[in-house]
Protein backbone atom coordinates (compact mmCIF):
# COMPACT_ATOMS: atom_id res chain seq x y z
CA MET A 1 -6.18 -16.61 1.92
CA HIS A 2 -5.79 -12.68 1.81
CA ASP A 3 -4.76 -11.26 -1.76
CA LEU A 4 -1.63 -9.84 -0.35
CA HIS A 5 -0.61 -13.55 0.56
CA LYS A 6 -1.69 -14.84 -2.74
CA LYS A 7 0.45 -12.78 -5.04
CA GLY A 8 3.29 -11.63 -2.44
CA PHE A 9 3.96 -8.13 -1.24
CA PHE A 10 6.33 -7.61 -3.89
CA GLY A 11 4.09 -9.09 -6.62
CA LYS A 12 2.30 -6.64 -9.26
CA GLY A 13 0.55 -3.75 -8.13
CA LYS A 14 -2.03 -1.57 -9.91
CA CYS A 15 -1.98 2.20 -11.18
CA TYR A 16 -5.19 4.16 -10.44
CA GLY A 17 -4.21 7.00 -12.34
CA THR A 18 -2.78 10.38 -11.18
CA THR A 19 -3.60 13.06 -8.63
CA SER A 20 -1.95 16.46 -7.68
CA VAL A 21 -0.98 17.98 -4.47
CA GLY A 22 -3.41 20.71 -3.31
CA GLU A 23 -2.41 24.18 -1.89
CA ARG A 24 -2.53 22.34 2.00
CA GLY A 25 -0.91 19.54 0.91
CA GLN A 26 -3.94 17.35 0.46
CA ILE A 27 -4.35 14.78 -2.28
CA VAL A 28 -7.80 13.21 -3.68
CA ILE A 29 -7.40 9.22 -3.82
CA PRO A 30 -9.06 8.00 -7.13
CA LYS A 31 -12.41 6.75 -6.66
CA GLU A 32 -11.55 3.54 -8.11
CA ALA A 33 -8.70 3.01 -5.70
CA ARG A 34 -11.02 4.24 -2.43
CA GLU A 35 -13.59 1.53 -3.53
CA GLU A 36 -11.24 -1.47 -4.21
CA LEU A 37 -9.35 -0.94 -1.20
CA ASP A 38 -12.56 -0.05 0.93
CA LEU A 39 -11.26 3.31 2.18
CA LYS A 40 -13.59 5.25 3.86
CA GLN A 41 -14.06 8.70 5.22
CA GLY A 42 -12.24 8.78 8.65
CA ASP A 43 -9.90 5.82 7.73
CA LYS A 44 -6.14 6.30 9.02
CA LEU A 45 -3.53 5.72 6.71
CA VAL A 46 0.27 5.33 7.44
CA VAL A 47 2.31 7.34 5.05
CA TYR A 48 5.55 5.89 4.13
CA GLY A 49 8.18 7.24 1.77
CA LYS A 50 11.37 5.81 0.59
CA HIS A 51 14.54 7.36 -0.93
CA GLY A 52 12.97 10.51 -1.24
CA LYS A 53 11.13 9.63 -4.53
CA ALA A 54 8.18 7.02 -3.57
CA LEU A 55 5.15 7.36 -1.20
CA ALA A 56 2.90 4.76 -0.16
CA LEU A 57 -0.22 4.87 2.00
CA VAL A 58 -1.28 1.79 3.89
CA LYS A 59 -4.53 1.42 5.90
CA ALA A 60 -3.42 1.52 9.54
CA ASP A 61 -5.39 -1.50 10.59
CA GLN A 62 -3.87 -3.40 7.92
CA LEU A 63 -0.15 -2.52 8.72
CA PRO A 64 0.61 -5.58 10.96
CA GLU A 65 -0.90 -7.87 8.39
CA LEU A 66 1.19 -5.98 5.67
CA ILE A 67 4.36 -6.32 7.71
CA ASP A 68 3.81 -10.27 8.33
CA HIS A 69 3.78 -10.67 4.58
CA MET A 70 6.59 -8.67 3.66
CA ILE A 71 8.72 -10.70 6.10
CA GLU A 72 7.35 -13.98 4.81
CA ASP A 73 8.28 -12.91 1.36
CA LEU A 74 11.67 -11.57 2.14
CA GLU A 75 12.23 -15.18 3.91
CA LYS A 76 11.38 -16.90 0.73
CA LEU A 77 13.77 -14.68 -1.35
CA LYS A 78 16.69 -15.49 1.33
CA LYS A 79 16.03 -19.13 0.67
CA LYS A 80 16.49 -18.52 -2.93
CA ILE A 81 19.63 -17.09 -2.70
């Protein structure tokens, strides 16, 4: 079972530190995050923003699985209401 499924999408996350936006809009993803998330040079990331206040990066090849888990978690929440 994948970690996303065990914890649920809306479960606890992890803070990997801070980064700065460079002159050309580039950011450096902290080494610990790259290692734990198995991010390699050339990996495609989906950039998602919400309410003009939050930014999320998701590995493009993991997006379908992430969406499936989000839907499952939302359905569980809906049953509780």
